[in-house]
Amino acid sequence: MVQHKSSRGQRLGLFHQVGDYAVALGFLILITRATYPLLLAILGLIALLNSASTQGPLAAYRLVPRKIHDAIDMALVLGAVLAGSIGSQPVANRFSLFALAVIQGFIIYLSRVTKHARL
């Protein structure tokens, strides 16, 4: 069965955007038990605005071009690793932040790989 590239791209965009919303929600949930809640609030709001304002199927505004969205995604991975590395915080928070970084990185990786794959 031959699939059109537009439907494949829409599914890929949908997956990426749902994942971005989930990561943003993860940052915002971790605020309740964080040592540095302001850092997580900033990361969560950036992630939420990034996923809500990009050019995708679940976007609210569609203002941010894809290349800027991808750069912000990479910054969020680095921010999650940094937030998990600093200060004296519980092991569960560190694990959760590193898990968010891995999830966001995996979403970025799958988006880049499947853009060029024949599905």
N, C-alpha and C. Protein backbone atom coordinates (compact mmCIF):
# COMPACT_ATOMS: atom_id res chain seq x y z
N MET A 1 0.83 -1.17 0.00
CA MET A 1 0.00 0.00 0.00
C MET A 1 0.88 1.25 0.00
N VAL A 2 0.64 2.14 -0.90
CA VAL A 2 1.42 3.36 -1.01
C VAL A 2 0.76 4.45 -0.18
N GLN A 3 1.57 5.08 0.67
CA GLN A 3 1.06 6.16 1.50
C GLN A 3 1.57 7.49 0.96
N HIS A 4 0.76 8.49 1.08
CA HIS A 4 1.17 9.81 0.65
C HIS A 4 2.11 10.41 1.68
N LYS A 5 3.08 11.19 1.20
CA LYS A 5 4.04 11.81 2.11
C LYS A 5 3.37 12.78 3.06
N SER A 6 2.29 13.42 2.63
CA SER A 6 1.63 14.39 3.51
C SER A 6 1.02 13.71 4.73
N SER A 7 0.42 12.53 4.57
CA SER A 7 -0.17 11.85 5.71
C SER A 7 0.92 11.34 6.65
N ARG A 8 2.03 10.88 6.09
CA ARG A 8 3.16 10.43 6.92
C ARG A 8 3.73 11.61 7.69
N GLY A 9 3.87 12.75 7.04
CA GLY A 9 4.38 13.94 7.69
C GLY A 9 3.45 14.44 8.78
N GLN A 10 2.15 14.32 8.55
CA GLN A 10 1.19 14.74 9.57
C GLN A 10 1.27 13.83 10.80
N ARG A 11 1.41 12.52 10.58
CA ARG A 11 1.54 11.60 11.71
C ARG A 11 2.83 11.87 12.47
N LEU A 12 3.90 12.11 11.75
CA LEU A 12 5.18 12.40 12.39
C LEU A 12 5.10 13.70 13.19
N GLY A 13 4.47 14.72 12.62
CA GLY A 13 4.30 15.98 13.33
C GLY A 13 3.42 15.83 14.55
N LEU A 14 2.38 15.01 14.43
CA LEU A 14 1.48 14.76 15.55
C LEU A 14 2.23 14.06 16.68
N PHE A 15 3.00 13.03 16.35
CA PHE A 15 3.79 12.31 17.35
C PHE A 15 4.77 13.25 18.04
N HIS A 16 5.47 14.05 17.25
CA HIS A 16 6.46 14.97 17.80
C HIS A 16 5.80 15.99 18.73
N GLN A 17 4.68 16.51 18.31
CA GLN A 17 4.03 17.55 19.10
C GLN A 17 3.40 17.00 20.38
N VAL A 18 2.82 15.82 20.32
CA VAL A 18 2.28 15.19 21.53
C VAL A 18 3.42 14.92 22.51
N GLY A 19 4.54 14.46 22.00
CA GLY A 19 5.71 14.24 22.85
C GLY A 19 6.22 15.52 23.48
N ASP A 20 6.22 16.60 22.71
CA ASP A 20 6.65 17.90 23.26
C ASP A 20 5.72 18.36 24.37
N TYR A 21 4.41 18.19 24.18
CA TYR A 21 3.46 18.56 25.23
C TYR A 21 3.68 17.69 26.47
N ALA A 22 3.98 16.41 26.30
CA ALA A 22 4.20 15.52 27.44
C ALA A 22 5.46 15.93 28.21
N VAL A 23 6.51 16.30 27.50
CA VAL A 23 7.73 16.75 28.17
C VAL A 23 7.47 18.06 28.92
N ALA A 24 6.73 18.98 28.31
CA ALA A 24 6.39 20.23 29.00
C ALA A 24 5.59 19.95 30.27
N LEU A 25 4.65 19.03 30.19
CA LEU A 25 3.86 18.65 31.36
C LEU A 25 4.76 18.03 32.43
N GLY A 26 5.73 17.23 32.01
CA GLY A 26 6.67 16.64 32.95
C GLY A 26 7.46 17.69 33.71
N PHE A 27 7.96 18.70 33.00
CA PHE A 27 8.67 19.79 33.67
C PHE A 27 7.77 20.49 34.68
N LEU A 28 6.54 20.77 34.28
CA LEU A 28 5.63 21.50 35.14
C LEU A 28 5.20 20.69 36.36
N ILE A 29 5.08 19.38 36.21
CA ILE A 29 4.74 18.53 37.35
C ILE A 29 5.88 18.46 38.35
N LEU A 30 7.11 18.47 37.86
CA LEU A 30 8.27 18.38 38.75
C LEU A 30 8.46 19.63 39.60
N ILE A 31 7.80 20.71 39.27
CA ILE A 31 7.92 21.94 40.06
C ILE A 31 7.50 21.70 41.50
N THR A 32 6.51 20.85 41.71
CA THR A 32 5.95 20.65 43.05
C THR A 32 6.95 20.07 44.04
N ARG A 33 7.94 19.35 43.59
CA ARG A 33 8.90 18.74 44.51
C ARG A 33 10.35 19.12 44.19
N ALA A 34 10.55 20.22 43.49
CA ALA A 34 11.88 20.59 43.04
C ALA A 34 12.62 21.45 44.05
N THR A 35 13.94 21.32 44.04
CA THR A 35 14.80 22.19 44.83
C THR A 35 14.87 23.57 44.19
N TYR A 36 14.87 23.60 42.86
CA TYR A 36 14.91 24.85 42.10
C TYR A 36 13.66 24.96 41.23
N PRO A 37 12.52 25.33 41.82
CA PRO A 37 11.28 25.33 41.03
C PRO A 37 11.26 26.38 39.93
N LEU A 38 11.98 27.49 40.11
CA LEU A 38 11.96 28.53 39.08
C LEU A 38 12.60 28.03 37.78
N LEU A 39 13.70 27.29 37.90
CA LEU A 39 14.35 26.74 36.70
C LEU A 39 13.41 25.80 35.96
N LEU A 40 12.72 24.94 36.70
CA LEU A 40 11.80 24.00 36.05
C LEU A 40 10.58 24.71 35.49
N ALA A 41 10.14 25.77 36.15
CA ALA A 41 9.01 26.55 35.62
C ALA A 41 9.40 27.21 34.30
N ILE A 42 10.61 27.74 34.23
CA ILE A 42 11.08 28.36 32.98
C ILE A 42 11.18 27.31 31.88
N LEU A 43 11.80 26.17 32.19
CA LEU A 43 11.91 25.10 31.18
C LEU A 43 10.53 24.61 30.74
N GLY A 44 9.62 24.45 31.68
CA GLY A 44 8.28 23.98 31.35
C GLY A 44 7.51 24.97 30.49
N LEU A 45 7.62 26.25 30.81
CA LEU A 45 6.93 27.26 30.00
C LEU A 45 7.53 27.38 28.61
N ILE A 46 8.86 27.30 28.52
CA ILE A 46 9.49 27.33 27.20
C ILE A 46 9.04 26.13 26.38
N ALA A 47 9.02 24.94 27.00
CA ALA A 47 8.59 23.74 26.28
C ALA A 47 7.13 23.84 25.85
N LEU A 48 6.28 24.38 26.72
CA LEU A 48 4.87 24.52 26.39
C LEU A 48 4.65 25.53 25.27
N LEU A 49 5.31 26.67 25.36
CA LEU A 49 5.20 27.67 24.29
C LEU A 49 5.79 27.17 22.98
N ASN A 50 6.87 26.41 23.08
CA ASN A 50 7.50 25.87 21.87
C ASN A 50 6.56 24.90 21.16
N SER A 51 5.91 24.03 21.90
CA SER A 51 5.03 23.06 21.25
C SER A 51 3.70 23.69 20.82
N ALA A 52 3.27 24.74 21.50
CA ALA A 52 1.99 25.37 21.15
C ALA A 52 2.11 26.36 20.00
N SER A 53 3.33 26.81 19.71
CA SER A 53 3.47 27.86 18.70
C SER A 53 4.26 27.43 17.47
N THR A 54 4.52 26.15 17.31
CA THR A 54 5.24 25.69 16.13
C THR A 54 4.26 25.36 15.01
N GLN A 55 4.79 25.04 13.87
CA GLN A 55 3.94 24.72 12.72
C GLN A 55 3.65 23.23 12.71
N GLY A 56 2.62 22.84 13.45
CA GLY A 56 2.26 21.43 13.55
C GLY A 56 0.76 21.26 13.70
N PRO A 57 0.30 20.01 13.70
CA PRO A 57 -1.15 19.75 13.73
C PRO A 57 -1.83 20.15 15.04
N LEU A 58 -1.13 20.15 16.17
CA LEU A 58 -1.73 20.50 17.44
C LEU A 58 -1.33 21.89 17.93
N ALA A 59 -0.79 22.70 17.04
CA ALA A 59 -0.33 24.03 17.42
C ALA A 59 -1.49 24.98 17.62
N ALA A 60 -1.34 25.86 18.57
CA ALA A 60 -2.36 26.86 18.82
C ALA A 60 -2.14 28.09 17.95
N TYR A 61 -0.88 28.41 17.66
CA TYR A 61 -0.59 29.67 16.97
C TYR A 61 0.18 29.53 15.65
N ARG A 62 1.03 28.54 15.50
CA ARG A 62 1.82 28.31 14.28
C ARG A 62 2.67 29.53 13.89
N LEU A 63 3.45 30.01 14.85
CA LEU A 63 4.29 31.18 14.63
C LEU A 63 5.76 30.83 14.42
N VAL A 64 6.24 29.78 15.07
CA VAL A 64 7.66 29.45 15.09
C VAL A 64 8.00 28.51 13.94
N PRO A 65 8.99 28.87 13.11
CA PRO A 65 9.42 27.95 12.04
C PRO A 65 10.05 26.68 12.62
N ARG A 66 10.09 25.66 11.81
CA ARG A 66 10.55 24.33 12.25
C ARG A 66 12.00 24.34 12.74
N LYS A 67 12.88 25.09 12.07
CA LYS A 67 14.30 25.10 12.46
C LYS A 67 14.48 25.72 13.85
N ILE A 68 13.74 26.76 14.15
CA ILE A 68 13.82 27.37 15.47
C ILE A 68 13.24 26.42 16.52
N HIS A 69 12.16 25.75 16.18
CA HIS A 69 11.56 24.76 17.08
C HIS A 69 12.57 23.66 17.42
N ASP A 70 13.29 23.18 16.40
CA ASP A 70 14.28 22.13 16.63
C ASP A 70 15.41 22.61 17.53
N ALA A 71 15.84 23.86 17.35
CA ALA A 71 16.90 24.41 18.19
C ALA A 71 16.43 24.53 19.64
N ILE A 72 15.20 24.94 19.84
CA ILE A 72 14.66 25.04 21.19
C ILE A 72 14.52 23.65 21.81
N ASP A 73 14.15 22.65 21.01
CA ASP A 73 14.08 21.28 21.51
C ASP A 73 15.44 20.82 22.04
N MET A 74 16.50 21.11 21.30
CA MET A 74 17.85 20.73 21.75
C MET A 74 18.23 21.49 23.02
N ALA A 75 17.85 22.76 23.11
CA ALA A 75 18.12 23.54 24.32
C ALA A 75 17.37 22.96 25.52
N LEU A 76 16.18 22.43 25.30
CA LEU A 76 15.43 21.81 26.38
C LEU A 76 16.10 20.53 26.87
N VAL A 77 16.68 19.77 25.96
CA VAL A 77 17.43 18.57 26.37
C VAL A 77 18.60 18.98 27.26
N LEU A 78 19.35 19.98 26.81
CA LEU A 78 20.49 20.44 27.61
C LEU A 78 20.03 21.04 28.94
N GLY A 79 18.92 21.76 28.92
CA GLY A 79 18.39 22.33 30.16
C GLY A 79 17.96 21.27 31.15
N ALA A 80 17.36 20.20 30.66
CA ALA A 80 16.95 19.11 31.56
C ALA A 80 18.15 18.42 32.17
N VAL A 81 19.20 18.21 31.38
CA VAL A 81 20.42 17.59 31.90
C VAL A 81 21.08 18.52 32.92
N LEU A 82 21.12 19.80 32.62
CA LEU A 82 21.71 20.77 33.54
C LEU A 82 20.90 20.83 34.84
N ALA A 83 19.59 20.89 34.73
CA ALA A 83 18.74 20.96 35.92
C ALA A 83 18.87 19.69 36.77
N GLY A 84 19.09 18.55 36.13
CA GLY A 84 19.27 17.31 36.88
C GLY A 84 20.64 17.18 37.51
N SER A 85 21.58 17.99 37.03
CA SER A 85 22.97 17.89 37.51
C SER A 85 23.29 18.85 38.64
N ILE A 86 22.55 19.93 38.77
CA ILE A 86 22.93 20.95 39.74
C ILE A 86 22.23 20.75 41.08
N GLY A 87 22.88 21.22 42.13
CA GLY A 87 22.27 21.28 43.44
C GLY A 87 22.06 19.94 44.11
N SER A 88 21.61 20.03 45.33
CA SER A 88 21.29 18.83 46.09
C SER A 88 19.79 18.61 46.01
N GLN A 89 19.41 17.66 45.22
CA GLN A 89 18.00 17.35 45.05
C GLN A 89 17.80 15.84 45.18
N PRO A 90 16.59 15.44 45.43
CA PRO A 90 16.33 14.00 45.57
C PRO A 90 16.67 13.23 44.29
N VAL A 91 16.99 11.97 44.48
CA VAL A 91 17.36 11.11 43.36
C VAL A 91 16.19 10.98 42.39
N ALA A 92 14.98 10.96 42.89
CA ALA A 92 13.80 10.82 42.01
C ALA A 92 13.69 12.02 41.06
N ASN A 93 14.00 13.20 41.55
CA ASN A 93 13.96 14.38 40.67
C ASN A 93 15.05 14.31 39.60
N ARG A 94 16.25 13.91 40.02
CA ARG A 94 17.34 13.77 39.04
C ARG A 94 16.96 12.76 37.96
N PHE A 95 16.46 11.62 38.39
CA PHE A 95 16.06 10.58 37.45
C PHE A 95 14.98 11.09 36.50
N SER A 96 14.00 11.80 37.06
CA SER A 96 12.90 12.33 36.24
C SER A 96 13.41 13.34 35.21
N LEU A 97 14.32 14.21 35.61
CA LEU A 97 14.86 15.20 34.67
C LEU A 97 15.70 14.54 33.59
N PHE A 98 16.52 13.57 33.97
CA PHE A 98 17.29 12.84 32.95
C PHE A 98 16.37 12.05 32.02
N ALA A 99 15.28 11.51 32.57
CA ALA A 99 14.31 10.79 31.74
C ALA A 99 13.64 11.74 30.75
N LEU A 100 13.31 12.96 31.19
CA LEU A 100 12.73 13.95 30.27
C LEU A 100 13.71 14.31 29.17
N ALA A 101 14.99 14.42 29.52
CA ALA A 101 16.01 14.71 28.50
C ALA A 101 16.11 13.58 27.49
N VAL A 102 16.06 12.34 27.96
CA VAL A 102 16.13 11.18 27.06
C VAL A 102 14.89 11.13 26.17
N ILE A 103 13.73 11.38 26.75
CA ILE A 103 12.49 11.34 25.97
C ILE A 103 12.51 12.41 24.88
N GLN A 104 12.90 13.63 25.26
CA GLN A 104 12.95 14.71 24.27
C GLN A 104 13.99 14.41 23.20
N GLY A 105 15.13 13.89 23.61
CA GLY A 105 16.16 13.52 22.63
C GLY A 105 15.69 12.42 21.69
N PHE A 106 14.95 11.46 22.21
CA PHE A 106 14.42 10.38 21.39
C PHE A 106 13.40 10.91 20.38
N ILE A 107 12.57 11.84 20.82
CA ILE A 107 11.60 12.45 19.92
C ILE A 107 12.32 13.18 18.78
N ILE A 108 13.36 13.92 19.13
CA ILE A 108 14.14 14.64 18.11
C ILE A 108 14.78 13.64 17.14
N TYR A 109 15.37 12.59 17.69
CA TYR A 109 16.02 11.58 16.85
C TYR A 109 15.04 10.92 15.90
N LEU A 110 13.89 10.49 16.42
CA LEU A 110 12.89 9.83 15.56
C LEU A 110 12.38 10.77 14.48
N SER A 111 12.20 12.02 14.81
CA SER A 111 11.72 12.98 13.81
C SER A 111 12.72 13.15 12.69
N ARG A 112 13.99 13.20 13.03
CA ARG A 112 15.02 13.38 11.99
C ARG A 112 15.21 12.13 11.15
N VAL A 113 15.18 10.98 11.79
CA VAL A 113 15.40 9.73 11.06
C VAL A 113 14.23 9.39 10.16
N THR A 114 13.01 9.52 10.66
CA THR A 114 11.85 9.10 9.88
C THR A 114 11.47 10.09 8.80
N LYS A 115 12.02 11.30 8.81
CA LYS A 115 11.76 12.23 7.72
C LYS A 115 12.32 11.68 6.41
N HIS A 116 13.41 10.95 6.53
CA HIS A 116 14.09 10.45 5.33
C HIS A 116 13.83 8.98 5.06
N ALA A 117 13.14 8.30 5.97
CA ALA A 117 12.87 6.87 5.80
C ALA A 117 11.61 6.67 4.95
N ARG A 118 11.56 5.55 4.29
CA ARG A 118 10.36 5.19 3.55
C ARG A 118 9.49 4.35 4.46
N LEU A 119 8.39 4.91 4.87
CA LEU A 119 7.48 4.19 5.77
C LEU A 119 6.31 3.61 5.00
